[in-house]
């Protein structure tokens, strides 16, 4: 891995290249932005570059070699100068000051954590989460403070990476604040977060705050072309629906978006029949939404909304280059000729309302049934 392996984020990479060329690392950074935009990838490359025993100069900038013992140990979770802090499952960590966190964890949980960390380091854009975890507890911060009070076992800078730093409880944040207020000059903290507002202002004021903007569709498409055997159409659709997150794109690769879209168009077709087959519509909705979570339900709404937008483009004789679902052009043309009318814009409002209902925890099958019945009212003309 090198600076160039970080997807996009040109300004961020240029900034840290200059830091290594001209100055020293700060005591604490808050990297904020949506999931899957390179926050951990950047933190990892900084750690490697700062710790590398045989750094390279490429285009005048320092980079890790990826081959020395330190670089190898960082990638294999064996480098003692790096600590990772993340949420653990409720009830798994004792809050007693004299207890050890590791001793309170089951062997199975420790194995899961090691596996997830290795996956994250192998692919910094992979999703990192521990089943049932929701909070970084004060006991974890106390144990971290004890560890930081000891001398480094290896020479060089020590690093602490917080995944989802906003998941620190208030007591945890206050405990961590004490560490930030009395910084060691040879330690750098990385607070990675999707919700900067979830951190105390007093913590943020002691960090250099660096925003990671969403990746472009083109940047995501480039990665998908390199790593997956997907068609151009599939890559185009996934890149659009990833909302700037490579992590989300990876999730969508496994979701088979084309089949999902086709199922939604089938539901639309059923709902727009002159004689509504109510039972068939309900059965199909239940089949589609079985086991579906909120995120996937919202993806379905985005898929449907974009398909309808494509129909509007086709109806207005717009350029095919503007059509996302270009592989479904014949279906779009038939739909546009028959159903795109003066009410079509209200259909997008219905979809947006359905999105809000899902966010508000309304049962997903009920949301979808209401959605297709409302679209039916708007688009069908019964003679």
Protein backbone atom coordinates (compact mmCIF):
# COMPACT_ATOMS: atom_id res chain seq x y z
CA UNK A 1 0.00 0.00 0.00
CA UNK A 2 1.16 3.54 -0.74
CA UNK A 3 -0.29 7.03 -0.94
CA UNK A 4 -1.46 6.23 -4.48
CA UNK A 5 -3.45 3.24 -3.23
CA UNK A 6 -5.70 5.62 -1.27
CA UNK A 7 -8.69 6.18 -3.53
CA UNK A 8 -9.29 9.84 -4.37
CA UNK A 9 -8.75 12.29 -1.48
CA UNK A 10 -6.15 14.27 -3.41
CA UNK A 11 -6.10 17.22 -1.01
CA UNK A 12 -5.76 14.99 2.06
CA UNK A 13 -2.88 13.03 0.52
CA UNK A 14 -1.10 16.20 -0.54
CA UNK A 15 -1.46 17.62 2.96
CA UNK A 16 0.12 14.61 4.67
CA UNK A 17 2.85 14.32 2.07
CA UNK A 18 3.79 17.89 2.97
CA UNK A 19 3.63 17.03 6.69
CA UNK A 20 6.22 14.31 6.20
CA UNK A 21 8.35 16.55 4.00
CA UNK A 22 8.24 19.69 6.14
CA UNK A 23 7.04 19.05 9.66
CA UNK A 24 5.93 16.59 12.31
CA UNK A 25 2.67 14.78 12.92
CA UNK A 26 0.15 16.37 15.24
CA UNK A 27 -0.86 14.85 18.55
CA UNK A 28 -4.42 14.15 17.41
CA UNK A 29 -6.44 14.07 14.21
CA UNK A 30 -10.17 13.79 13.71
CA UNK A 31 -10.88 12.25 10.30
CA UNK A 32 -14.56 12.74 9.50
CA UNK A 33 -16.75 11.83 6.55
CA UNK A 34 -19.10 9.07 5.47
CA UNK A 35 -18.09 5.43 5.77
CA UNK A 36 -15.78 4.03 3.13
CA UNK A 37 -14.03 7.16 1.85
CA UNK A 38 -10.48 6.39 2.99
CA UNK A 39 -10.21 7.58 6.59
CA UNK A 40 -8.65 4.36 7.82
CA UNK A 41 -6.68 3.85 4.61
CA UNK A 42 -5.05 7.24 5.20
CA UNK A 43 -4.38 6.62 8.91
CA UNK A 44 -2.80 3.26 8.07
CA UNK A 45 -0.52 4.75 5.42
CA UNK A 46 0.55 7.51 7.83
CA UNK A 47 1.42 4.88 10.46
CA UNK A 48 3.38 2.84 7.93
CA UNK A 49 5.22 5.85 6.50
CA UNK A 50 6.16 7.14 9.95
CA UNK A 51 7.29 3.70 11.18
CA UNK A 52 8.99 2.39 8.03
CA UNK A 53 12.63 1.39 8.45
CA UNK A 54 13.45 1.85 4.75
CA UNK A 55 11.17 4.65 3.47
CA UNK A 56 11.22 5.47 -0.23
CA UNK A 57 11.21 8.86 -1.94
CA UNK A 58 8.71 8.87 -4.81
CA UNK A 59 8.20 12.14 -6.69
CA UNK A 60 10.00 13.81 -3.81
CA UNK A 61 7.62 12.49 -1.16
CA UNK A 62 8.23 9.90 1.55
CA UNK A 63 6.41 6.58 1.31
CA UNK A 64 6.53 3.30 3.21
CA UNK A 65 8.49 0.49 1.59
CA UNK A 66 5.94 -2.21 2.46
CA UNK A 67 8.77 -4.71 2.89
CA UNK A 68 10.66 -3.91 6.11
CA UNK A 69 9.88 -5.65 9.39
CA UNK A 70 7.85 -2.74 10.72
CA UNK A 71 5.68 -2.53 7.59
CA UNK A 72 5.11 -6.29 7.66
CA UNK A 73 4.29 -6.29 11.39
CA UNK A 74 1.79 -3.44 10.96
CA UNK A 75 -0.04 -5.42 8.29
CA UNK A 76 0.03 -8.57 10.42
CA UNK A 77 -1.21 -6.90 13.65
CA UNK A 78 2.13 -7.58 15.33
CA UNK A 79 3.45 -4.01 15.56
CA UNK A 80 3.50 -3.02 19.27
CA UNK A 81 3.38 0.74 18.61
CA UNK A 82 -0.20 0.67 17.29
CA UNK A 83 -3.37 0.37 19.38
CA UNK A 84 -6.87 -0.04 17.94
CA UNK A 85 -9.91 1.08 19.94
CA UNK A 86 -13.45 0.13 18.89
CA UNK A 87 -16.85 -0.69 20.33
CA UNK A 88 -17.33 -4.01 22.08
CA UNK A 89 -20.57 -5.89 22.79
CA UNK A 90 -22.56 -4.78 25.83
CA UNK A 91 -21.83 -6.77 28.96
CA UNK A 92 -18.58 -8.15 27.57
CA UNK A 93 -16.32 -5.58 29.23
CA UNK A 94 -16.01 -5.21 32.97
CA UNK A 95 -16.07 -1.62 34.22
CA UNK A 96 -13.97 -2.51 37.28
CA UNK A 97 -10.73 -0.55 37.32
CA UNK A 98 -8.56 -3.55 38.21
CA UNK A 99 -9.97 -5.86 35.54
CA UNK A 100 -8.34 -6.68 32.20
CA UNK A 101 -10.43 -6.20 29.07
CA UNK A 102 -8.82 -9.11 27.23
CA UNK A 103 -9.45 -11.46 30.16
CA UNK A 104 -13.15 -10.53 30.16
CA UNK A 105 -13.60 -11.47 26.46
CA UNK A 106 -14.45 -14.96 25.26
CA UNK A 107 -12.06 -16.83 22.99
CA UNK A 108 -14.67 -16.70 20.22
CA UNK A 109 -14.97 -12.92 20.49
CA UNK A 110 -11.20 -12.45 20.49
CA UNK A 111 -10.98 -14.62 17.38
CA UNK A 112 -13.73 -12.56 15.69
CA UNK A 113 -11.96 -9.29 16.54
CA UNK A 114 -8.63 -10.51 15.17
CA UNK A 115 -10.29 -11.71 11.98
CA UNK A 116 -12.16 -8.43 11.43
CA UNK A 117 -9.03 -6.36 12.08
CA UNK A 118 -7.00 -8.44 9.63
CA UNK A 119 -9.71 -8.04 7.01
CA UNK A 120 -9.78 -4.28 7.62
CA UNK A 121 -6.03 -3.93 7.28
CA UNK A 122 -5.97 -6.12 4.16
CA UNK A 123 -8.70 -3.93 2.65
CA UNK A 124 -9.05 -0.60 4.50
CA UNK A 125 -12.37 0.01 2.72
CA UNK A 126 -13.97 -3.17 4.08
CA UNK A 127 -16.68 -2.74 6.67
CA UNK A 128 -15.47 -3.09 10.26
CA UNK A 129 -17.98 -4.01 12.95
CA UNK A 130 -18.17 -6.46 15.84
CA UNK A 131 -21.50 -8.24 16.24
CA UNK A 132 -23.54 -6.72 19.05
CA UNK A 133 -21.07 -3.88 19.64
CA UNK A 134 -22.39 -0.37 20.23
CA UNK A 135 -20.16 1.52 22.69
CA UNK A 136 -16.55 2.28 23.48
CA UNK A 137 -16.55 2.03 27.25
CA UNK A 138 -14.66 3.91 29.90
CA UNK A 139 -12.82 0.72 30.93
CA UNK A 140 -11.24 0.62 27.47
CA UNK A 141 -10.02 4.20 27.86
CA UNK A 142 -8.64 3.49 31.34
CA UNK A 143 -6.72 0.51 29.99
CA UNK A 144 -5.45 2.61 27.10
CA UNK A 145 -4.19 5.28 29.50
CA UNK A 146 -2.28 2.62 31.45
CA UNK A 147 -0.71 1.29 28.25
CA UNK A 148 0.31 4.76 27.12
CA UNK A 149 1.96 5.44 30.46
CA UNK A 150 4.51 2.73 29.67
CA UNK A 151 7.55 3.24 27.50
CA UNK A 152 7.30 2.08 23.89
CA UNK A 153 8.70 -1.40 23.38
CA UNK A 154 10.07 -0.22 20.03
CA UNK A 155 11.67 3.13 19.23
CA UNK A 156 9.58 5.57 17.27
CA UNK A 157 6.14 7.09 17.40
CA UNK A 158 3.13 5.33 18.95
CA UNK A 159 -0.30 5.46 17.29
CA UNK A 160 -3.84 4.96 18.55
CA UNK A 161 -6.69 4.50 16.07
CA UNK A 162 -10.32 4.90 17.19
CA UNK A 163 -12.87 3.27 14.88
CA UNK A 164 -16.26 5.05 15.04
CA UNK A 165 -14.95 7.42 17.70
CA UNK A 166 -18.45 8.87 18.18
CA UNK A 167 -19.40 5.59 19.88
CA UNK A 168 -17.43 6.59 22.97
CA UNK A 169 -19.82 7.13 25.87
CA UNK A 170 -19.70 10.55 27.52
CA UNK A 171 -17.76 9.08 30.45
CA UNK A 172 -15.34 7.53 27.95
CA UNK A 173 -14.89 10.83 26.13
CA UNK A 174 -14.23 12.65 29.39
CA UNK A 175 -11.67 10.02 30.36
CA UNK A 176 -10.02 10.29 26.96
CA UNK A 177 -9.98 14.09 27.23
CA UNK A 178 -7.57 13.79 30.15
CA UNK A 179 -5.13 12.00 27.85
CA UNK A 180 -5.48 14.67 25.18
CA UNK A 181 -4.92 17.40 27.75
CA UNK A 182 -1.61 15.85 28.82
CA UNK A 183 -0.20 14.70 25.47
CA UNK A 184 3.02 12.80 25.03
CA UNK A 185 5.04 14.24 22.17
CA UNK A 186 5.61 10.80 20.63
CA UNK A 187 1.94 9.73 20.33
CA UNK A 188 -0.58 10.43 17.58
CA UNK A 189 -4.30 9.69 17.93
CA UNK A 190 -6.60 9.13 14.95
CA UNK A 191 -10.30 9.58 15.70
CA UNK A 192 -12.21 8.15 12.73
CA UNK A 193 -15.86 9.13 12.67
CA UNK A 194 -18.91 9.46 10.45
CA UNK A 195 -20.58 11.71 13.04
CA UNK A 196 -18.22 14.44 14.16
CA UNK A 197 -21.05 16.05 16.12
CA UNK A 198 -21.05 12.98 18.38
CA UNK A 199 -17.70 14.04 19.86
CA UNK A 200 -17.32 16.59 22.62
CA UNK A 201 -16.30 20.09 21.45
CA UNK A 202 -13.44 19.94 23.96
CA UNK A 203 -12.09 16.85 22.19
CA UNK A 204 -12.52 18.32 18.72
CA UNK A 205 -10.75 21.52 19.73
CA UNK A 206 -7.64 19.46 20.54
CA UNK A 207 -7.64 17.67 17.18
CA UNK A 208 -6.72 18.70 13.70
CA UNK A 209 -10.02 18.09 11.92
CA UNK A 210 -9.78 16.78 8.38
CA UNK A 211 -12.81 16.23 6.19
CA UNK A 212 -12.91 13.29 3.77
CA UNK A 213 -15.46 14.06 1.04
CA UNK A 214 -17.46 11.31 -0.67
CA UNK A 215 -15.72 9.55 -3.53
CA UNK A 216 -16.89 10.30 -7.06
CA UNK A 217 -18.83 7.75 -9.11
CA UNK A 218 -15.80 7.54 -11.42
CA UNK A 219 -13.41 6.74 -8.55
CA UNK A 220 -15.67 3.98 -7.26
CA UNK A 221 -16.19 2.60 -10.77
CA UNK A 222 -12.42 2.47 -11.30
CA UNK A 223 -11.96 0.30 -8.20
CA UNK A 224 -14.87 -1.99 -9.10
CA UNK A 225 -13.42 -2.55 -12.58
CA UNK A 226 -10.11 -3.61 -11.05
CA UNK A 227 -11.51 -5.92 -8.40
CA UNK A 228 -14.75 -7.45 -9.66
CA UNK A 229 -16.02 -9.30 -12.70
CA UNK A 230 -18.94 -6.98 -13.28
CA UNK A 231 -20.47 -5.65 -16.46
CA UNK A 232 -20.19 -1.97 -17.34
CA UNK A 233 -23.90 -1.56 -16.62
CA UNK A 234 -23.59 -3.16 -13.17
CA UNK A 235 -20.59 -0.99 -12.33
CA UNK A 236 -22.46 2.13 -13.41
CA UNK A 237 -25.48 1.29 -11.26
CA UNK A 238 -23.44 0.32 -8.18
CA UNK A 239 -21.24 3.40 -8.44
CA UNK A 240 -24.30 5.63 -8.57
CA UNK A 241 -25.97 4.00 -5.58
CA UNK A 242 -22.87 3.79 -3.40
CA UNK A 243 -23.34 7.46 -2.45
CA UNK A 244 -19.62 8.10 -2.51
CA UNK A 245 -18.73 5.16 -0.24
CA UNK A 246 -16.52 2.33 -1.47
CA UNK A 247 -17.61 0.29 1.55
CA UNK A 248 -21.22 0.68 0.45
CA UNK A 249 -20.24 -0.26 -3.11
CA UNK A 250 -18.74 -3.53 -1.84
CA UNK A 251 -21.99 -4.28 -0.01
CA UNK A 252 -23.99 -3.60 -3.17
CA UNK A 253 -21.80 -5.92 -5.24
CA UNK A 254 -23.09 -8.79 -3.12
CA UNK A 255 -26.67 -7.53 -3.24
CA UNK A 256 -27.16 -8.24 -6.97
CA UNK A 257 -28.69 -4.86 -7.77
CA UNK A 258 -29.91 -5.85 -11.21
CA UNK A 259 -32.10 -8.65 -9.80
CA UNK A 260 -33.30 -6.30 -7.07
CA UNK A 261 -34.18 -3.63 -9.63
CA UNK A 262 -35.98 -6.16 -11.81
CA UNK A 263 -38.04 -7.29 -8.81
CA UNK A 264 -39.04 -3.69 -8.14
CA UNK A 265 -40.02 -3.13 -11.78
CA UNK A 266 -42.08 -6.32 -11.60
CA UNK A 267 -43.90 -4.89 -8.56
CA UNK A 268 -44.44 -1.65 -10.46
CA UNK A 269 -45.85 -3.59 -13.40
CA UNK A 270 -48.27 -5.51 -11.14
CA UNK A 271 -49.41 -2.35 -9.34
CA UNK A 272 -50.18 -0.59 -12.64
CA UNK A 273 -52.50 -3.26 -14.05
CA UNK A 274 -56.02 -1.99 -14.68
CA UNK A 275 -57.45 -4.71 -12.47
CA UNK A 276 -55.18 -4.66 -9.45
CA UNK A 277 -54.19 -8.20 -8.35
CA UNK A 278 -53.98 -7.24 -4.68
CA UNK A 279 -52.98 -10.63 -3.30
CA UNK A 280 -50.26 -11.05 -5.89
CA UNK A 281 -48.87 -7.60 -5.07
CA UNK A 282 -48.84 -8.31 -1.32
CA UNK A 283 -47.23 -11.73 -1.81
CA UNK A 284 -44.52 -10.31 -4.07
CA UNK A 285 -43.78 -7.50 -1.62
CA UNK A 286 -43.51 -9.96 1.27
CA UNK A 287 -41.20 -12.15 -0.80
CA UNK A 288 -38.95 -9.21 -1.72
CA UNK A 289 -38.77 -7.69 1.77
CA UNK A 290 -38.31 -10.92 3.73
CA UNK A 291 -35.23 -10.41 5.92
CA UNK A 292 -34.58 -6.98 4.41
CA UNK A 293 -32.96 -4.37 6.67
CA UNK A 294 -33.50 -0.61 6.58
CA UNK A 295 -30.37 0.11 4.54
CA UNK A 296 -31.34 -2.33 1.82
CA UNK A 297 -34.93 -1.06 1.82
CA UNK A 298 -33.63 2.46 1.26
CA UNK A 299 -31.41 1.14 -1.53
CA UNK A 300 -34.54 -0.30 -3.14
CA UNK A 301 -36.19 3.12 -3.01
CA UNK A 302 -33.12 4.71 -4.62
CA UNK A 303 -33.18 2.04 -7.33
CA UNK A 304 -36.85 2.66 -8.05
CA UNK A 305 -36.43 6.43 -8.00
CA UNK A 306 -33.52 6.32 -10.42
CA UNK A 307 -35.39 3.98 -12.75
CA UNK A 308 -38.32 6.39 -12.83
CA UNK A 309 -35.94 9.31 -13.48
CA UNK A 310 -34.54 7.34 -16.41
CA UNK A 311 -38.12 6.94 -17.68
CA UNK A 312 -38.56 10.72 -17.54
CA UNK A 313 -35.31 11.19 -19.50
CA UNK A 314 -36.52 8.71 -22.13
CA UNK A 315 -39.94 10.36 -22.32
CA UNK A 316 -38.31 13.75 -22.97
CA UNK A 317 -36.04 12.25 -25.67
CA UNK A 318 -32.97 12.88 -23.52
CA UNK A 319 -29.56 11.49 -24.34
CA UNK A 320 -28.98 7.81 -23.62
CA UNK A 321 -25.79 8.87 -21.81
CA UNK A 322 -28.02 10.28 -19.06
CA UNK A 323 -29.76 6.94 -18.52
CA UNK A 324 -28.36 4.86 -15.64
CA UNK A 325 -30.39 1.73 -16.41
CA UNK A 326 -29.30 1.65 -20.05
CA UNK A 327 -29.53 -2.16 -20.12
CA UNK A 328 -33.29 -1.84 -19.51
CA UNK A 329 -33.92 0.75 -22.22
CA UNK A 330 -36.72 -1.13 -24.02
CA UNK A 331 -38.72 -1.50 -20.80
CA UNK A 332 -38.11 2.16 -19.98
CA UNK A 333 -39.39 3.22 -23.41
CA UNK A 334 -42.58 1.18 -23.06
CA UNK A 335 -43.16 2.54 -19.56
CA UNK A 336 -42.44 6.14 -20.63
CA UNK A 337 -44.92 5.95 -23.51
CA UNK A 338 -47.68 4.56 -21.37
CA UNK A 339 -47.26 5.97 -17.85
CA UNK A 340 -45.09 9.09 -17.71
CA UNK A 341 -47.60 11.90 -17.21
CA UNK A 342 -48.01 15.20 -15.42
CA UNK A 343 -48.08 13.37 -12.05
CA UNK A 344 -44.68 11.73 -12.38
CA UNK A 345 -42.93 14.32 -10.18
CA UNK A 346 -45.34 13.48 -7.37
CA UNK A 347 -44.17 9.87 -7.61
CA UNK A 348 -40.71 11.02 -6.53
CA UNK A 349 -42.30 12.73 -3.52
CA UNK A 350 -44.05 9.45 -2.64
CA UNK A 351 -40.69 7.65 -2.78
CA UNK A 352 -39.10 10.28 -0.56
CA UNK A 353 -41.94 9.89 1.94
CA UNK A 354 -41.44 6.11 1.91
CA UNK A 355 -37.77 6.68 2.67
CA UNK A 356 -38.75 8.78 5.69
CA UNK A 357 -41.19 6.10 6.87
CA UNK A 358 -38.45 3.46 6.75
CA UNK A 359 -36.13 5.78 8.66
CA UNK A 360 -38.96 6.16 11.22
CA UNK A 361 -39.10 2.36 11.68
CA UNK A 362 -42.43 1.73 9.93
CA UNK A 363 -42.60 -1.94 8.91
CA UNK A 364 -40.92 -2.31 5.54
CA UNK A 365 -43.66 -4.45 3.83
CA UNK A 366 -46.29 -1.86 4.81
CA UNK A 367 -44.12 0.96 3.45
CA UNK A 368 -43.68 -0.81 0.11
CA UNK A 369 -47.39 -1.67 -0.21
CA UNK A 370 -48.38 1.93 0.45
CA UNK A 371 -45.68 3.13 -1.96
CA UNK A 372 -46.89 1.10 -4.94
CA UNK A 373 -50.55 1.86 -4.28
CA UNK A 374 -49.77 5.59 -4.18
CA UNK A 375 -47.77 5.38 -7.41
CA UNK A 376 -50.72 3.52 -8.97
CA UNK A 377 -53.05 6.41 -8.09
CA UNK A 378 -50.71 8.89 -9.73
CA UNK A 379 -49.80 7.10 -12.94
CA UNK A 380 -52.61 4.82 -14.03
CA UNK A 381 -55.45 6.07 -16.20
CA UNK A 382 -58.43 3.76 -15.92
CA UNK A 383 -60.93 4.26 -18.72
